[in-house]
């Protein structure tokens, strides 16, 4: 994963492309305290349930997804965002093709 150029205007949704039948990611920036990563999910692709030692902000840039946090489903669409708390199980499923910006910050 390559990081984005600094001190340039970034058109986030254009920095990652959809790929049929897969999930594509691109790291935007990374530091010890956390990181920012772009994702493009094809329809029906998912990230299985897992936990992370970071609070994670999901910001949907395009499309729709279901985010499950501790088993509770949330339907997000373009422009929506949600924080997945650190150490709580969470999963994502693409209801349509969707792109998200994921910001993870260490507790």
N, C-alpha and C. Protein backbone atom coordinates (compact mmCIF):
# COMPACT_ATOMS: atom_id res chain seq x y z
N UNK A 1 0.85 -1.19 0.00
CA UNK A 1 0.00 0.00 0.00
C UNK A 1 0.89 1.24 0.00
N UNK A 2 0.63 2.13 -0.91
CA UNK A 2 1.40 3.37 -0.95
C UNK A 2 0.64 4.47 -0.23
N UNK A 3 1.36 5.38 0.37
CA UNK A 3 0.71 6.51 1.02
C UNK A 3 0.51 7.63 0.01
N UNK A 4 -0.41 8.53 0.33
CA UNK A 4 -0.72 9.66 -0.55
C UNK A 4 0.34 10.75 -0.40
N UNK A 5 0.45 11.56 -1.42
CA UNK A 5 1.37 12.70 -1.36
C UNK A 5 0.91 13.71 -0.32
N UNK A 6 1.84 14.32 0.35
CA UNK A 6 1.53 15.34 1.35
C UNK A 6 1.49 16.71 0.69
N UNK A 7 0.81 17.64 1.32
CA UNK A 7 0.70 19.03 0.86
C UNK A 7 0.11 19.12 -0.55
N UNK A 8 -0.82 18.23 -0.84
CA UNK A 8 -1.57 18.26 -2.10
C UNK A 8 -3.04 18.05 -1.79
N UNK A 9 -3.91 18.61 -2.63
CA UNK A 9 -5.34 18.37 -2.48
C UNK A 9 -5.62 16.93 -2.91
N UNK A 10 -6.33 16.21 -2.07
CA UNK A 10 -6.65 14.81 -2.35
C UNK A 10 -8.14 14.67 -2.66
N UNK A 11 -8.45 14.05 -3.76
CA UNK A 11 -9.83 13.72 -4.11
C UNK A 11 -10.02 12.26 -3.70
N UNK A 12 -10.41 12.08 -2.44
CA UNK A 12 -10.38 10.77 -1.80
C UNK A 12 -11.03 9.66 -2.62
N UNK A 13 -12.25 9.85 -3.06
CA UNK A 13 -12.96 8.78 -3.77
C UNK A 13 -12.24 8.37 -5.06
N UNK A 14 -11.42 9.25 -5.61
CA UNK A 14 -10.70 8.94 -6.85
C UNK A 14 -9.36 8.23 -6.60
N UNK A 15 -8.94 8.11 -5.36
CA UNK A 15 -7.63 7.53 -5.06
C UNK A 15 -7.64 6.01 -4.96
N UNK A 16 -8.82 5.41 -5.02
CA UNK A 16 -8.93 3.95 -4.98
C UNK A 16 -10.03 3.55 -5.96
N UNK A 17 -9.79 2.49 -6.72
CA UNK A 17 -10.74 2.06 -7.75
C UNK A 17 -11.42 0.75 -7.35
N UNK A 18 -12.63 0.56 -7.83
CA UNK A 18 -13.33 -0.70 -7.64
C UNK A 18 -12.65 -1.78 -8.48
N UNK A 19 -12.66 -3.00 -7.96
CA UNK A 19 -12.14 -4.15 -8.68
C UNK A 19 -13.15 -5.28 -8.50
N UNK A 20 -13.63 -5.84 -9.58
CA UNK A 20 -14.69 -6.84 -9.53
C UNK A 20 -14.32 -7.99 -8.59
N UNK A 21 -15.26 -8.30 -7.68
CA UNK A 21 -15.10 -9.43 -6.78
C UNK A 21 -14.06 -9.27 -5.70
N UNK A 22 -13.66 -8.03 -5.40
CA UNK A 22 -12.62 -7.88 -4.39
C UNK A 22 -12.75 -6.60 -3.59
N UNK A 23 -11.87 -6.50 -2.60
CA UNK A 23 -11.72 -5.32 -1.75
C UNK A 23 -10.35 -4.74 -2.06
N UNK A 24 -10.31 -3.46 -2.38
CA UNK A 24 -9.05 -2.78 -2.69
C UNK A 24 -8.80 -1.75 -1.59
N UNK A 25 -7.56 -1.62 -1.14
CA UNK A 25 -7.25 -0.62 -0.12
C UNK A 25 -6.02 0.17 -0.51
N UNK A 26 -5.96 1.38 0.02
CA UNK A 26 -4.80 2.25 -0.19
C UNK A 26 -4.57 3.05 1.08
N UNK A 27 -3.40 2.91 1.65
CA UNK A 27 -3.07 3.66 2.86
C UNK A 27 -2.79 5.11 2.48
N UNK A 28 -3.44 6.02 3.18
CA UNK A 28 -3.26 7.45 2.92
C UNK A 28 -2.14 8.01 3.78
N UNK A 29 -2.14 7.67 5.06
CA UNK A 29 -1.08 8.09 5.97
C UNK A 29 -1.03 7.12 7.14
N UNK A 30 0.14 7.02 7.74
CA UNK A 30 0.31 6.10 8.86
C UNK A 30 1.25 6.72 9.88
N UNK A 31 0.91 6.53 11.16
CA UNK A 31 1.75 7.01 12.27
C UNK A 31 1.59 6.02 13.42
N UNK A 32 2.42 6.15 14.42
CA UNK A 32 2.33 5.26 15.58
C UNK A 32 0.96 5.33 16.24
N UNK A 33 0.34 6.51 16.24
CA UNK A 33 -0.95 6.71 16.90
C UNK A 33 -2.13 6.18 16.08
N UNK A 34 -1.91 5.85 14.81
CA UNK A 34 -3.01 5.34 13.99
C UNK A 34 -2.73 5.52 12.52
N UNK A 35 -3.78 5.30 11.71
CA UNK A 35 -3.61 5.43 10.27
C UNK A 35 -4.94 5.76 9.60
N UNK A 36 -4.83 6.17 8.32
CA UNK A 36 -5.99 6.49 7.50
C UNK A 36 -5.85 5.66 6.22
N UNK A 37 -6.90 4.90 5.90
CA UNK A 37 -6.86 4.02 4.75
C UNK A 37 -8.16 4.14 3.96
N UNK A 38 -8.04 4.15 2.64
CA UNK A 38 -9.19 4.14 1.74
C UNK A 38 -9.48 2.71 1.32
N UNK A 39 -10.77 2.38 1.20
CA UNK A 39 -11.17 1.06 0.74
C UNK A 39 -12.21 1.20 -0.35
N UNK A 40 -12.18 0.28 -1.32
CA UNK A 40 -13.24 0.15 -2.33
C UNK A 40 -13.68 -1.31 -2.30
N UNK A 41 -14.95 -1.54 -1.98
CA UNK A 41 -15.52 -2.88 -1.90
C UNK A 41 -16.43 -3.11 -3.09
N UNK A 42 -16.30 -4.25 -3.76
CA UNK A 42 -17.29 -4.63 -4.75
C UNK A 42 -18.52 -5.13 -3.99
N UNK A 43 -19.68 -5.12 -4.64
CA UNK A 43 -20.93 -5.56 -4.01
C UNK A 43 -20.75 -6.97 -3.42
N UNK A 44 -21.29 -7.14 -2.23
CA UNK A 44 -21.29 -8.40 -1.47
C UNK A 44 -19.93 -8.78 -0.88
N UNK A 45 -18.90 -7.97 -1.08
CA UNK A 45 -17.62 -8.24 -0.43
C UNK A 45 -17.73 -7.82 1.04
N UNK A 46 -16.92 -8.42 1.88
CA UNK A 46 -17.01 -8.09 3.30
C UNK A 46 -15.69 -8.26 4.02
N UNK A 47 -15.65 -7.65 5.21
CA UNK A 47 -14.58 -7.90 6.17
C UNK A 47 -15.23 -8.68 7.29
N UNK A 48 -14.73 -9.87 7.57
CA UNK A 48 -15.33 -10.71 8.60
C UNK A 48 -15.14 -10.08 9.98
N UNK A 49 -15.92 -10.57 10.92
CA UNK A 49 -15.89 -10.01 12.27
C UNK A 49 -14.49 -10.13 12.88
N UNK A 50 -14.04 -9.03 13.48
CA UNK A 50 -12.73 -8.98 14.12
C UNK A 50 -12.76 -7.85 15.14
N UNK A 51 -11.68 -7.72 15.90
CA UNK A 51 -11.52 -6.59 16.82
C UNK A 51 -10.22 -5.88 16.45
N UNK A 52 -10.09 -4.66 16.94
CA UNK A 52 -8.88 -3.88 16.72
C UNK A 52 -8.61 -3.04 17.96
N UNK A 53 -7.35 -2.74 18.25
CA UNK A 53 -7.01 -1.95 19.43
C UNK A 53 -7.16 -0.45 19.21
N UNK A 54 -7.92 -0.08 18.17
CA UNK A 54 -8.12 1.32 17.80
C UNK A 54 -9.60 1.65 17.77
N UNK A 55 -9.99 2.88 18.12
CA UNK A 55 -11.29 3.38 17.70
C UNK A 55 -11.16 3.58 16.20
N UNK A 56 -12.20 3.24 15.44
CA UNK A 56 -12.12 3.32 13.99
C UNK A 56 -13.33 4.08 13.45
N UNK A 57 -13.06 5.18 12.77
CA UNK A 57 -14.11 5.98 12.14
C UNK A 57 -14.27 5.51 10.70
N UNK A 58 -15.46 5.05 10.35
CA UNK A 58 -15.80 4.67 8.98
C UNK A 58 -16.59 5.83 8.39
N UNK A 59 -16.11 6.39 7.28
CA UNK A 59 -16.81 7.46 6.57
C UNK A 59 -17.07 6.95 5.15
N UNK A 60 -18.35 6.76 4.80
CA UNK A 60 -18.73 6.22 3.50
C UNK A 60 -18.67 7.35 2.47
N UNK A 61 -17.83 7.15 1.43
CA UNK A 61 -17.65 8.14 0.38
C UNK A 61 -18.57 7.88 -0.81
N UNK A 62 -18.98 6.62 -0.99
CA UNK A 62 -19.80 6.23 -2.13
C UNK A 62 -20.47 4.90 -1.81
N UNK A 63 -21.75 4.76 -2.15
CA UNK A 63 -22.43 3.49 -2.01
C UNK A 63 -23.04 3.25 -0.64
N UNK A 64 -23.29 1.95 -0.35
CA UNK A 64 -23.94 1.56 0.90
C UNK A 64 -23.28 0.33 1.49
N UNK A 65 -23.26 0.29 2.82
CA UNK A 65 -22.67 -0.83 3.55
C UNK A 65 -23.47 -1.12 4.81
N UNK A 66 -23.34 -2.34 5.29
CA UNK A 66 -23.84 -2.68 6.62
C UNK A 66 -22.63 -2.87 7.50
N UNK A 67 -22.59 -2.13 8.60
CA UNK A 67 -21.55 -2.26 9.61
C UNK A 67 -22.19 -2.91 10.82
N UNK A 68 -21.58 -3.97 11.32
CA UNK A 68 -22.06 -4.62 12.55
C UNK A 68 -21.04 -4.35 13.65
N UNK A 69 -21.56 -3.84 14.77
CA UNK A 69 -20.72 -3.59 15.94
C UNK A 69 -21.33 -4.36 17.10
N UNK A 70 -20.56 -5.29 17.65
CA UNK A 70 -21.05 -6.17 18.71
C UNK A 70 -22.40 -6.78 18.34
N UNK A 71 -22.53 -7.19 17.08
CA UNK A 71 -23.73 -7.87 16.59
C UNK A 71 -24.86 -6.96 16.15
N UNK A 72 -24.77 -5.67 16.42
CA UNK A 72 -25.83 -4.74 16.06
C UNK A 72 -25.57 -4.17 14.66
N UNK A 73 -26.55 -4.29 13.73
CA UNK A 73 -26.35 -3.79 12.37
C UNK A 73 -26.65 -2.30 12.23
N UNK A 74 -25.84 -1.64 11.41
CA UNK A 74 -26.04 -0.23 11.06
C UNK A 74 -25.94 -0.11 9.55
N UNK A 75 -26.94 0.51 8.92
CA UNK A 75 -26.95 0.70 7.46
C UNK A 75 -26.42 2.11 7.17
N UNK A 76 -25.30 2.19 6.48
CA UNK A 76 -24.68 3.47 6.14
C UNK A 76 -24.69 3.66 4.63
N UNK A 77 -24.87 4.92 4.21
CA UNK A 77 -24.85 5.27 2.79
C UNK A 77 -23.93 6.47 2.60
N UNK A 78 -23.74 6.87 1.36
CA UNK A 78 -22.84 7.97 1.03
C UNK A 78 -23.02 9.15 1.98
N UNK A 79 -21.93 9.59 2.57
CA UNK A 79 -21.95 10.73 3.48
C UNK A 79 -22.08 10.36 4.95
N UNK A 80 -22.52 9.13 5.24
CA UNK A 80 -22.68 8.69 6.63
C UNK A 80 -21.33 8.27 7.22
N UNK A 81 -21.26 8.31 8.55
CA UNK A 81 -20.06 7.87 9.26
C UNK A 81 -20.47 7.22 10.58
N UNK A 82 -19.61 6.36 11.09
CA UNK A 82 -19.85 5.72 12.38
C UNK A 82 -18.49 5.41 13.02
N UNK A 83 -18.44 5.43 14.34
CA UNK A 83 -17.22 5.06 15.05
C UNK A 83 -17.39 3.65 15.61
N UNK A 84 -16.46 2.78 15.24
CA UNK A 84 -16.43 1.42 15.79
C UNK A 84 -15.46 1.45 16.97
N UNK A 85 -15.97 1.21 18.18
CA UNK A 85 -15.11 1.31 19.37
C UNK A 85 -14.00 0.26 19.39
N UNK A 86 -12.86 0.65 19.93
CA UNK A 86 -11.73 -0.27 20.10
C UNK A 86 -12.17 -1.49 20.90
N UNK A 87 -11.62 -2.63 20.53
CA UNK A 87 -11.80 -3.89 21.25
C UNK A 87 -13.21 -4.45 21.20
N UNK A 88 -14.11 -3.87 20.39
CA UNK A 88 -15.45 -4.45 20.20
C UNK A 88 -15.48 -5.14 18.85
N UNK A 89 -16.10 -6.33 18.78
CA UNK A 89 -16.16 -7.04 17.49
C UNK A 89 -16.97 -6.24 16.47
N UNK A 90 -16.45 -6.19 15.24
CA UNK A 90 -17.15 -5.48 14.18
C UNK A 90 -16.88 -6.16 12.84
N UNK A 91 -17.78 -5.92 11.88
CA UNK A 91 -17.67 -6.49 10.54
C UNK A 91 -18.35 -5.53 9.57
N UNK A 92 -17.99 -5.63 8.28
CA UNK A 92 -18.60 -4.79 7.24
C UNK A 92 -18.99 -5.67 6.06
N UNK A 93 -20.11 -5.32 5.41
CA UNK A 93 -20.54 -5.99 4.19
C UNK A 93 -21.03 -4.94 3.20
N UNK A 94 -20.57 -5.05 1.96
CA UNK A 94 -20.98 -4.11 0.91
C UNK A 94 -22.37 -4.48 0.40
N UNK A 95 -23.34 -3.59 0.62
CA UNK A 95 -24.69 -3.80 0.10
C UNK A 95 -24.75 -3.42 -1.38
N UNK A 96 -23.92 -2.44 -1.75
CA UNK A 96 -23.66 -2.06 -3.14
C UNK A 96 -22.15 -1.89 -3.21
N UNK A 97 -21.62 -1.60 -4.37
CA UNK A 97 -20.22 -1.19 -4.40
C UNK A 97 -20.11 0.01 -3.47
N UNK A 98 -19.07 0.05 -2.66
CA UNK A 98 -18.92 1.23 -1.81
C UNK A 98 -17.46 1.52 -1.53
N UNK A 99 -17.21 2.80 -1.25
CA UNK A 99 -15.88 3.26 -0.86
C UNK A 99 -15.97 3.89 0.52
N UNK A 100 -14.95 3.66 1.32
CA UNK A 100 -14.93 4.26 2.65
C UNK A 100 -13.54 4.74 2.98
N UNK A 101 -13.51 5.75 3.82
CA UNK A 101 -12.28 6.24 4.42
C UNK A 101 -12.28 5.75 5.86
N UNK A 102 -11.28 5.00 6.25
CA UNK A 102 -11.18 4.43 7.58
C UNK A 102 -10.06 5.12 8.33
N UNK A 103 -10.41 5.77 9.44
CA UNK A 103 -9.43 6.45 10.29
C UNK A 103 -9.35 5.70 11.61
N UNK A 104 -8.18 5.16 11.90
CA UNK A 104 -8.00 4.38 13.13
C UNK A 104 -7.06 5.14 14.06
N UNK A 105 -7.50 5.29 15.32
CA UNK A 105 -6.73 6.04 16.31
C UNK A 105 -6.55 5.19 17.56
N UNK A 106 -5.31 4.99 17.95
CA UNK A 106 -5.02 4.17 19.14
C UNK A 106 -5.62 4.81 20.39
N UNK A 107 -6.18 3.97 21.25
CA UNK A 107 -6.75 4.42 22.51
C UNK A 107 -5.67 4.94 23.43
